[in-house]
């Protein structure tokens, strides 16, 4: 049942997007630009968090500057 709901929602979004692009192309362009920018920001943020998690998991966490926890602090 959930697949049917998602499919109907996707069809509704598609129809709405096509209508918006035909009726108000500049608004559609702005919405698309914001969507792509948001997706790029999200990918960049998640990539940084994943890299940080992998460094921490391997025991190579990068200390913050001035924290006094690095190898040179001893």
PDB file of N, CA and C in Angstrom:
ATOM      1  N   UNK A   1       0.822  -1.190   0.000  1.00  0.00           N
ATOM      2  CA  UNK A   1       0.000   0.000   0.000  1.00  0.00           C
ATOM      3  C   UNK A   1       0.867   1.256   0.000  1.00  0.00           C
ATOM      4  N   UNK A   2       2.014   1.217   0.687  1.00  0.00           N
ATOM      5  CA  UNK A   2       2.857   2.411   0.752  1.00  0.00           C
ATOM      6  C   UNK A   2       3.445   2.749  -0.617  1.00  0.00           C
ATOM      7  N   UNK A   3       3.752   1.736  -1.444  1.00  0.00           N
ATOM      8  CA  UNK A   3       4.278   2.001  -2.779  1.00  0.00           C
ATOM      9  C   UNK A   3       3.262   2.742  -3.633  1.00  0.00           C
ATOM     10  N   UNK A   4       1.992   2.414  -3.476  1.00  0.00           N
ATOM     11  CA  UNK A   4       0.936   3.086  -4.229  1.00  0.00           C
ATOM     12  C   UNK A   4       0.873   4.552  -3.814  1.00  0.00           C
ATOM     13  N   UNK A   5       0.958   4.819  -2.542  1.00  0.00           N
ATOM     14  CA  UNK A   5       0.893   6.192  -2.045  1.00  0.00           C
ATOM     15  C   UNK A   5       2.082   7.002  -2.554  1.00  0.00           C
ATOM     16  N   UNK A   6       3.266   6.428  -2.505  1.00  0.00           N
ATOM     17  CA  UNK A   6       4.460   7.126  -2.979  1.00  0.00           C
ATOM     18  C   UNK A   6       4.364   7.378  -4.481  1.00  0.00           C
ATOM     19  N   UNK A   7       3.884   6.413  -5.239  1.00  0.00           N
ATOM     20  CA  UNK A   7       3.749   6.567  -6.686  1.00  0.00           C
ATOM     21  C   UNK A   7       2.753   7.670  -7.038  1.00  0.00           C
ATOM     22  N   UNK A   8       1.631   7.719  -6.350  1.00  0.00           N
ATOM     23  CA  UNK A   8       0.637   8.762  -6.602  1.00  0.00           C
ATOM     24  C   UNK A   8       1.205  10.127  -6.219  1.00  0.00           C
ATOM     25  N   UNK A   9       1.943  10.191  -5.130  1.00  0.00           N
ATOM     26  CA  UNK A   9       2.556  11.455  -4.713  1.00  0.00           C
ATOM     27  C   UNK A   9       3.585  11.919  -5.752  1.00  0.00           C
ATOM     28  N   UNK A  10       4.388  11.003  -6.277  1.00  0.00           N
ATOM     29  CA  UNK A  10       5.363  11.357  -7.311  1.00  0.00           C
ATOM     30  C   UNK A  10       4.663  11.886  -8.556  1.00  0.00           C
ATOM     31  N   UNK A  11       3.582  11.249  -8.955  1.00  0.00           N
ATOM     32  CA  UNK A  11       2.831  11.713 -10.122  1.00  0.00           C
ATOM     33  C   UNK A  11       2.269  13.110  -9.878  1.00  0.00           C
ATOM     34  N   UNK A  12       1.795  13.367  -8.680  1.00  0.00           N
ATOM     35  CA  UNK A  12       1.284  14.692  -8.348  1.00  0.00           C
ATOM     36  C   UNK A  12       2.372  15.750  -8.390  1.00  0.00           C
ATOM     37  N   UNK A  13       3.539  15.419  -7.877  1.00  0.00           N
ATOM     38  CA  UNK A  13       4.664  16.360  -7.914  1.00  0.00           C
ATOM     39  C   UNK A  13       5.075  16.627  -9.361  1.00  0.00           C
ATOM     40  N   UNK A  14       5.083  15.605 -10.187  1.00  0.00           N
ATOM     41  CA  UNK A  14       5.445  15.770 -11.591  1.00  0.00           C
ATOM     42  C   UNK A  14       4.458  16.686 -12.306  1.00  0.00           C
ATOM     43  N   UNK A  15       3.175  16.453 -12.118  1.00  0.00           N
ATOM     44  CA  UNK A  15       2.157  17.292 -12.758  1.00  0.00           C
ATOM     45  C   UNK A  15       2.279  18.732 -12.257  1.00  0.00           C
ATOM     46  N   UNK A  16       2.473  18.913 -10.976  1.00  0.00           N
ATOM     47  CA  UNK A  16       2.631  20.252 -10.421  1.00  0.00           C
ATOM     48  C   UNK A  16       3.869  20.956 -10.947  1.00  0.00           C
ATOM     49  N   UNK A  17       4.956  20.227 -11.101  1.00  0.00           N
ATOM     50  CA  UNK A  17       6.196  20.812 -11.604  1.00  0.00           C
ATOM     51  C   UNK A  17       6.052  21.226 -13.068  1.00  0.00           C
ATOM     52  N   UNK A  18       5.430  20.376 -13.874  1.00  0.00           N
ATOM     53  CA  UNK A  18       5.218  20.715 -15.286  1.00  0.00           C
ATOM     54  C   UNK A  18       4.298  21.923 -15.401  1.00  0.00           C
ATOM     55  N   UNK A  19       3.232  21.956 -14.615  1.00  0.00           N
ATOM     56  CA  UNK A  19       2.330  23.104 -14.644  1.00  0.00           C
ATOM     57  C   UNK A  19       3.067  24.380 -14.249  1.00  0.00           C
ATOM     58  N   UNK A  20       3.869  24.306 -13.191  1.00  0.00           N
ATOM     59  CA  UNK A  20       4.612  25.478 -12.736  1.00  0.00           C
ATOM     60  C   UNK A  20       5.589  25.941 -13.808  1.00  0.00           C
ATOM     61  N   UNK A  21       6.268  25.015 -14.462  1.00  0.00           N
ATOM     62  CA  UNK A  21       7.236  25.378 -15.500  1.00  0.00           C
ATOM     63  C   UNK A  21       6.548  26.025 -16.699  1.00  0.00           C
ATOM     64  N   UNK A  22       5.357  25.588 -17.034  1.00  0.00           N
ATOM     65  CA  UNK A  22       4.641  26.167 -18.170  1.00  0.00           C
ATOM     66  C   UNK A  22       3.971  27.493 -17.810  1.00  0.00           C
ATOM     67  N   UNK A  23       3.433  27.596 -16.617  1.00  0.00           N
ATOM     68  CA  UNK A  23       2.698  28.799 -16.225  1.00  0.00           C
ATOM     69  C   UNK A  23       3.619  29.907 -15.705  1.00  0.00           C
ATOM     70  N   UNK A  24       4.644  29.535 -14.954  1.00  0.00           N
ATOM     71  CA  UNK A  24       5.539  30.513 -14.319  1.00  0.00           C
ATOM     72  C   UNK A  24       6.985  30.016 -14.433  1.00  0.00           C
ATOM     73  N   UNK A  25       7.589  30.158 -15.604  1.00  0.00           N
ATOM     74  CA  UNK A  25       8.926  29.571 -15.801  1.00  0.00           C
ATOM     75  C   UNK A  25      10.004  30.161 -14.896  1.00  0.00           C
ATOM     76  N   UNK A  26       9.931  31.439 -14.572  1.00  0.00           N
ATOM     77  CA  UNK A  26      10.972  32.020 -13.709  1.00  0.00           C
ATOM     78  C   UNK A  26      10.873  31.503 -12.275  1.00  0.00           C
ATOM     79  N   UNK A  27       9.668  31.314 -11.799  1.00  0.00           N
ATOM     80  CA  UNK A  27       9.493  30.748 -10.460  1.00  0.00           C
ATOM     81  C   UNK A  27       9.989  29.299 -10.450  1.00  0.00           C
ATOM     82  N   UNK A  28       9.684  28.555 -11.522  1.00  0.00           N
ATOM     83  CA  UNK A  28      10.156  27.168 -11.618  1.00  0.00           C
ATOM     84  C   UNK A  28      11.679  27.114 -11.669  1.00  0.00           C
ATOM     85  N   UNK A  29      12.281  28.067 -12.400  1.00  0.00           N
ATOM     86  CA  UNK A  29      13.742  28.130 -12.458  1.00  0.00           C
ATOM     87  C   UNK A  29      14.327  28.411 -11.078  1.00  0.00           C
ATOM     88  N   UNK A  30      13.725  29.340 -10.356  1.00  0.00           N
ATOM     89  CA  UNK A  30      14.200  29.647  -9.002  1.00  0.00           C
ATOM     90  C   UNK A  30      14.047  28.466  -8.063  1.00  0.00           C
ATOM     91  N   UNK A  31      12.909  27.777  -8.147  1.00  0.00           N
ATOM     92  CA  UNK A  31      12.685  26.604  -7.290  1.00  0.00           C
ATOM     93  C   UNK A  31      13.678  25.491  -7.620  1.00  0.00           C
ATOM     94  N   UNK A  32      13.939  25.295  -8.907  1.00  0.00           N
ATOM     95  CA  UNK A  32      14.912  24.272  -9.306  1.00  0.00           C
ATOM     96  C   UNK A  32      16.315  24.615  -8.852  1.00  0.00           C
ATOM     97  N   UNK A  33      16.668  25.888  -8.966  1.00  0.00           N
ATOM     98  CA  UNK A  33      17.990  26.327  -8.518  1.00  0.00           C
ATOM     99  C   UNK A  33      18.145  26.151  -7.008  1.00  0.00           C
ATOM    100  N   UNK A  34      17.116  26.522  -6.268  1.00  0.00           N
ATOM    101  CA  UNK A  34      17.166  26.322  -4.812  1.00  0.00           C
ATOM    102  C   UNK A  34      17.250  24.832  -4.461  1.00  0.00           C
ATOM    103  N   UNK A  35      16.506  24.021  -5.185  1.00  0.00           N
ATOM    104  CA  UNK A  35      16.546  22.577  -4.935  1.00  0.00           C
ATOM    105  C   UNK A  35      17.915  21.979  -5.203  1.00  0.00           C
ATOM    106  N   UNK A  36      18.531  22.372  -6.321  1.00  0.00           N
ATOM    107  CA  UNK A  36      19.872  21.864  -6.626  1.00  0.00           C
ATOM    108  C   UNK A  36      20.905  22.371  -5.624  1.00  0.00           C
ATOM    109  N   UNK A  37      20.777  23.636  -5.243  1.00  0.00           N
ATOM    110  CA  UNK A  37      21.699  24.175  -4.243  1.00  0.00           C
ATOM    111  C   UNK A  37      21.559  23.469  -2.905  1.00  0.00           C
ATOM    112  N   UNK A  38      20.324  23.210  -2.517  1.00  0.00           N
ATOM    113  CA  UNK A  38      20.095  22.478  -1.271  1.00  0.00           C
ATOM    114  C   UNK A  38      20.628  21.061  -1.315  1.00  0.00           C
ATOM    115  N   UNK A  39      20.463  20.401  -2.457  1.00  0.00           N
ATOM    116  CA  UNK A  39      20.980  19.037  -2.604  1.00  0.00           C
ATOM    117  C   UNK A  39      22.509  19.028  -2.560  1.00  0.00           C
ATOM    118  N   UNK A  40      23.141  20.026  -3.206  1.00  0.00           N
ATOM    119  CA  UNK A  40      24.603  20.108  -3.179  1.00  0.00           C
ATOM    120  C   UNK A  40      25.103  20.364  -1.763  1.00  0.00           C
ATOM    121  N   UNK A  41      24.432  21.274  -1.045  1.00  0.00           N
ATOM    122  CA  UNK A  41      24.831  21.556   0.342  1.00  0.00           C
ATOM    123  C   UNK A  41      24.679  20.307   1.210  1.00  0.00           C
ATOM    124  N   UNK A  42      23.571  19.591   1.032  1.00  0.00           N
ATOM    125  CA  UNK A  42      23.338  18.384   1.825  1.00  0.00           C
ATOM    126  C   UNK A  42      24.395  17.324   1.534  1.00  0.00           C
ATOM    127  N   UNK A  43      24.738  17.135   0.253  1.00  0.00           N
ATOM    128  CA  UNK A  43      25.768  16.155  -0.109  1.00  0.00           C
ATOM    129  C   UNK A  43      27.114  16.550   0.484  1.00  0.00           C
ATOM    130  N   UNK A  44      27.465  17.835   0.431  1.00  0.00           N
ATOM    131  CA  UNK A  44      28.728  18.301   0.982  1.00  0.00           C
ATOM    132  C   UNK A  44      28.770  18.093   2.489  1.00  0.00           C
ATOM    133  N   UNK A  45      27.692  18.442   3.177  1.00  0.00           N
ATOM    134  CA  UNK A  45      27.630  18.299   4.628  1.00  0.00           C
ATOM    135  C   UNK A  45      27.717  16.831   5.048  1.00  0.00           C
ATOM    136  N   UNK A  46      26.944  15.972   4.381  1.00  0.00           N
ATOM    137  CA  UNK A  46      26.988  14.553   4.724  1.00  0.00           C
ATOM    138  C   UNK A  46      28.345  13.935   4.400  1.00  0.00           C
ATOM    139  N   UNK A  47      28.979  14.383   3.326  1.00  0.00           N
ATOM    140  CA  UNK A  47      30.311  13.890   2.986  1.00  0.00           C
ATOM    141  C   UNK A  47      31.339  14.253   4.037  1.00  0.00           C
ATOM    142  N   UNK A  48      31.272  15.479   4.525  1.00  0.00           N
ATOM    143  CA  UNK A  48      32.198  15.894   5.588  1.00  0.00           C
ATOM    144  C   UNK A  48      31.976  15.097   6.859  1.00  0.00           C
ATOM    145  N   UNK A  49      30.701  14.894   7.202  1.00  0.00           N
ATOM    146  CA  UNK A  49      30.415  14.117   8.423  1.00  0.00           C
ATOM    147  C   UNK A  49      30.865  12.670   8.284  1.00  0.00           C
ATOM    148  N   UNK A  50      30.675  12.102   7.100  1.00  0.00           N
ATOM    149  CA  UNK A  50      31.112  10.719   6.880  1.00  0.00           C
ATOM    150  C   UNK A  50      32.631  10.617   6.961  1.00  0.00           C
ATOM    151  N   UNK A  51      33.337  11.575   6.377  1.00  0.00           N
ATOM    152  CA  UNK A  51      34.801  11.564   6.438  1.00  0.00           C
ATOM    153  C   UNK A  51      35.280  11.703   7.878  1.00  0.00           C
ATOM    154  N   UNK A  52      34.639  12.582   8.638  1.00  0.00           N
ATOM    155  CA  UNK A  52      35.006  12.760  10.037  1.00  0.00           C
ATOM    156  C   UNK A  52      34.752  11.488  10.831  1.00  0.00           C
ATOM    157  N   UNK A  53      33.631  10.829  10.553  1.00  0.00           N
ATOM    158  CA  UNK A  53      33.315   9.584  11.260  1.00  0.00           C
ATOM    159  C   UNK A  53      34.327   8.497  10.927  1.00  0.00           C
ATOM    160  N   UNK A  54      34.745   8.424   9.666  1.00  0.00           N
ATOM    161  CA  UNK A  54      35.740   7.420   9.286  1.00  0.00           C
ATOM    162  C   UNK A  54      37.091   7.703   9.930  1.00  0.00           C
ATOM    163  N   UNK A  55      37.478   8.981   9.981  1.00  0.00           N
ATOM    164  CA  UNK A  55      38.746   9.321  10.647  1.00  0.00           C
ATOM    165  C   UNK A  55      38.696   8.951  12.120  1.00  0.00           C
ATOM    166  N   UNK A  56      37.588   9.243  12.765  1.00  0.00           N
ATOM    167  CA  UNK A  56      37.441   8.941  14.182  1.00  0.00           C
ATOM    168  C   UNK A  56      37.450   7.432  14.409  1.00  0.00           C
ATOM    169  N   UNK A  57      36.791   6.707  13.539  1.00  0.00           N
ATOM    170  CA  UNK A  57      36.729   5.252  13.677  1.00  0.00           C
ATOM    171  C   UNK A  57      38.105   4.618  13.529  1.00  0.00           C
ATOM    172  N   UNK A  58      38.942   5.204  12.679  1.00  0.00           N
ATOM    173  CA  UNK A  58      40.294   4.688  12.486  1.00  0.00           C
ATOM    174  C   UNK A  58      41.265   5.199  13.543  1.00  0.00           C
ATOM    175  N   UNK A  59      40.787   6.062  14.425  1.00  0.00           N
ATOM    176  CA  UNK A  59      41.644   6.563  15.487  1.00  0.00           C
ATOM    177  C   UNK A  59      42.495   7.733  15.071  1.00  0.00           C
ATOM    178  N   UNK A  60      42.173   8.369  13.962  1.00  0.00           N
ATOM    179  CA  UNK A  60      42.953   9.507  13.487  1.00  0.00           C
ATOM    180  C   UNK A  60      42.122  10.775  13.526  1.00  0.00           C
ATOM    181  N   UNK A  61      41.476  11.006  14.594  1.00  0.00           N
ATOM    182  CA  UNK A  61      40.651  12.208  14.720  1.00  0.00           C
ATOM    183  C   UNK A  61      41.538  13.442  14.690  1.00  0.00           C
ATOM    184  N   UNK A  62      41.148  14.425  13.918  1.00  0.00           N
ATOM    185  CA  UNK A  62      41.905  15.660  13.829  1.00  0.00           C
ATOM    186  C   UNK A  62      41.537  16.546  15.007  1.00  0.00           C
ATOM    187  N   UNK A  63      42.483  16.861  15.908  1.00  0.00           N
ATOM    188  CA  UNK A  63      42.154  17.692  17.063  1.00  0.00           C
ATOM    189  C   UNK A  63      41.931  19.137  16.635  1.00  0.00           C
ATOM    190  N   UNK A  64      41.179  19.836  17.421  1.00  0.00           N
ATOM    191  CA  UNK A  64      40.960  21.248  17.152  1.00  0.00           C
ATOM    192  C   UNK A  64      42.221  22.016  17.548  1.00  0.00           C
ATOM    193  N   UNK A  65      42.463  23.118  16.908  1.00  0.00           N
ATOM    194  CA  UNK A  65      43.656  23.916  17.176  1.00  0.00           C
ATOM    195  C   UNK A  65      43.577  24.486  18.587  1.00  0.00           C
ATOM    196  N   UNK A  66      44.658  24.315  19.329  1.00  0.00           N
ATOM    197  CA  UNK A  66      44.720  24.854  20.673  1.00  0.00           C
ATOM    198  C   UNK A  66      44.059  23.976  21.733  1.00  0.00           C
ATOM    199  N   UNK A  67      43.603  22.792  21.360  1.00  0.00           N
ATOM    200  CA  UNK A  67      42.922  21.939  22.319  1.00  0.00           C
ATOM    201  C   UNK A  67      43.908  21.226  23.244  1.00  0.00           C
ATOM    202  N   UNK A  68      45.167  21.115  22.822  1.00  0.00           N
ATOM    203  CA  UNK A  68      46.151  20.461  23.661  1.00  0.00           C
ATOM    204  C   UNK A  68      45.975  18.953  23.720  1.00  0.00           C
ATOM    205  N   UNK A  69      45.391  18.379  22.678  1.00  0.00           N
ATOM    206  CA  UNK A  69      45.163  16.944  22.682  1.00  0.00           C
ATOM    207  C   UNK A  69      45.919  16.222  21.585  1.00  0.00           C
ATOM    208  N   UNK A  70      46.658  16.939  20.771  1.00  0.00           N
ATOM    209  CA  UNK A  70      47.376  16.330  19.650  1.00  0.00           C
ATOM    210  C   UNK A  70      48.657  15.669  20.097  1.00  0.00           C
ATOM    211  N   UNK A  71      49.370  15.040  19.173  1.00  0.00           N
ATOM    212  CA  UNK A  71      50.620  14.353  19.511  1.00  0.00           C
ATOM    213  C   UNK A  71      51.704  15.315  19.974  1.00  0.00           C
ATOM    214  N   UNK A  72      51.624  16.582  19.596  1.00  0.00           N
ATOM    215  CA  UNK A  72      52.620  17.550  20.006  1.00  0.00           C
ATOM    216  C   UNK A  72      52.356  18.113  21.399  1.00  0.00           C
ATOM    217  N   UNK A  73      51.220  17.760  21.996  1.00  0.00           N
ATOM    218  CA  UNK A  73      50.861  18.293  23.303  1.00  0.00           C
ATOM    219  C   UNK A  73      51.653  17.620  24.430  1.00  0.00           C
ATOM    220  N   UNK A  74      52.249  16.502  24.183  1.00  0.00           N
ATOM    221  CA  UNK A  74      52.951  15.759  25.236  1.00  0.00           C
ATOM    222  C   UNK A  74      54.336  16.225  25.455  1.00  0.00           C
TER     223      UNK A  74
END
